[in-house]
Amino acid sequence: MRVPLWLALLCVAVLGVKLIRPPWWLVAVLLLGGYLLTDSLLAPVIDSLVK
């Protein structure tokens, strides 16, 4: 069974929000921060660390 990565991440995110119950502003800050990091000078460094 092959599951797309976006679907797996969505399931983990929904479970995390339901179980841990972080404040919504923290979720928004983390999403915005991740989005901004992908377009920064640190993106190649982060990409090499992840791979």
C-alpha atoms as a PDB file:
ATOM      1  CA  MET A   1       0.000   0.000   0.000  1.00  0.00           C
ATOM      2  CA  ARG A   2       1.438   3.338  -1.062  1.00  0.00           C
ATOM      3  CA  VAL A   3       0.383   6.447   0.828  1.00  0.00           C
ATOM      4  CA  PRO A   4       1.326   9.927  -0.427  1.00  0.00           C
ATOM      5  CA  LEU A   5       3.631  11.853   1.883  1.00  0.00           C
ATOM      6  CA  TRP A   6       1.213  14.779   2.179  1.00  0.00           C
ATOM      7  CA  LEU A   7      -1.537  12.442   3.386  1.00  0.00           C
ATOM      8  CA  ALA A   8       0.700  10.801   5.980  1.00  0.00           C
ATOM      9  CA  LEU A   9       1.849  14.215   7.258  1.00  0.00           C
ATOM     10  CA  LEU A  10      -1.728  15.448   7.391  1.00  0.00           C
ATOM     11  CA  CYS A  11      -2.774  12.441   9.490  1.00  0.00           C
ATOM     12  CA  VAL A  12       0.146  12.932  11.882  1.00  0.00           C
ATOM     13  CA  ALA A  13      -0.641  16.654  12.161  1.00  0.00           C
ATOM     14  CA  VAL A  14      -4.330  16.043  12.915  1.00  0.00           C
ATOM     15  CA  LEU A  15      -3.477  13.442  15.556  1.00  0.00           C
ATOM     16  CA  GLY A  16      -0.852  15.730  17.078  1.00  0.00           C
ATOM     17  CA  VAL A  17      -3.269  18.628  17.367  1.00  0.00           C
ATOM     18  CA  LYS A  18      -5.983  16.408  18.858  1.00  0.00           C
ATOM     19  CA  LEU A  19      -3.717  14.647  21.366  1.00  0.00           C
ATOM     20  CA  ILE A  20      -1.249  17.360  22.385  1.00  0.00           C
ATOM     21  CA  ARG A  21      -3.601  20.349  21.943  1.00  0.00           C
ATOM     22  CA  PRO A  22      -1.038  23.072  21.198  1.00  0.00           C
ATOM     23  CA  PRO A  23      -2.346  26.627  20.919  1.00  0.00           C
ATOM     24  CA  TRP A  24      -3.401  27.560  17.394  1.00  0.00           C
ATOM     25  CA  TRP A  25      -1.040  30.532  17.312  1.00  0.00           C
ATOM     26  CA  LEU A  26       1.882  28.139  17.847  1.00  0.00           C
ATOM     27  CA  VAL A  27       0.715  25.957  14.964  1.00  0.00           C
ATOM     28  CA  ALA A  28       0.427  29.050  12.740  1.00  0.00           C
ATOM     29  CA  VAL A  29       3.895  30.308  13.748  1.00  0.00           C
ATOM     30  CA  LEU A  30       5.483  26.922  13.024  1.00  0.00           C
ATOM     31  CA  LEU A  31       3.793  26.666   9.624  1.00  0.00           C
ATOM     32  CA  LEU A  32       4.724  30.225   8.666  1.00  0.00           C
ATOM     33  CA  GLY A  33       8.274  29.746   9.919  1.00  0.00           C
ATOM     34  CA  GLY A  34       8.690  26.558   7.898  1.00  0.00           C
ATOM     35  CA  TYR A  35       7.315  28.270   4.813  1.00  0.00           C
ATOM     36  CA  LEU A  36       9.703  31.195   5.223  1.00  0.00           C
ATOM     37  CA  LEU A  37      12.697  28.910   5.838  1.00  0.00           C
ATOM     38  CA  THR A  38      12.166  27.123   2.531  1.00  0.00           C
ATOM     39  CA  ASP A  39      12.858  30.373   0.672  1.00  0.00           C
ATOM     40  CA  SER A  40      15.811  31.507   2.799  1.00  0.00           C
ATOM     41  CA  LEU A  41      19.556  31.112   2.525  1.00  0.00           C
ATOM     42  CA  LEU A  42      19.357  28.266   5.047  1.00  0.00           C
ATOM     43  CA  ALA A  43      17.270  26.069   2.756  1.00  0.00           C
ATOM     44  CA  PRO A  44      20.255  24.224   1.162  1.00  0.00           C
ATOM     45  CA  VAL A  45      21.771  23.593   4.603  1.00  0.00           C
ATOM     46  CA  ILE A  46      18.503  22.231   5.977  1.00  0.00           C
ATOM     47  CA  ASP A  47      18.006  20.123   2.839  1.00  0.00           C
ATOM     48  CA  SER A  48      21.442  18.553   3.195  1.00  0.00           C
ATOM     49  CA  LEU A  49      20.797  17.800   6.891  1.00  0.00           C
ATOM     50  CA  VAL A  50      17.475  16.152   6.134  1.00  0.00           C
ATOM     51  CA  LYS A  51      18.880  13.969   3.372  1.00  0.00           C
END
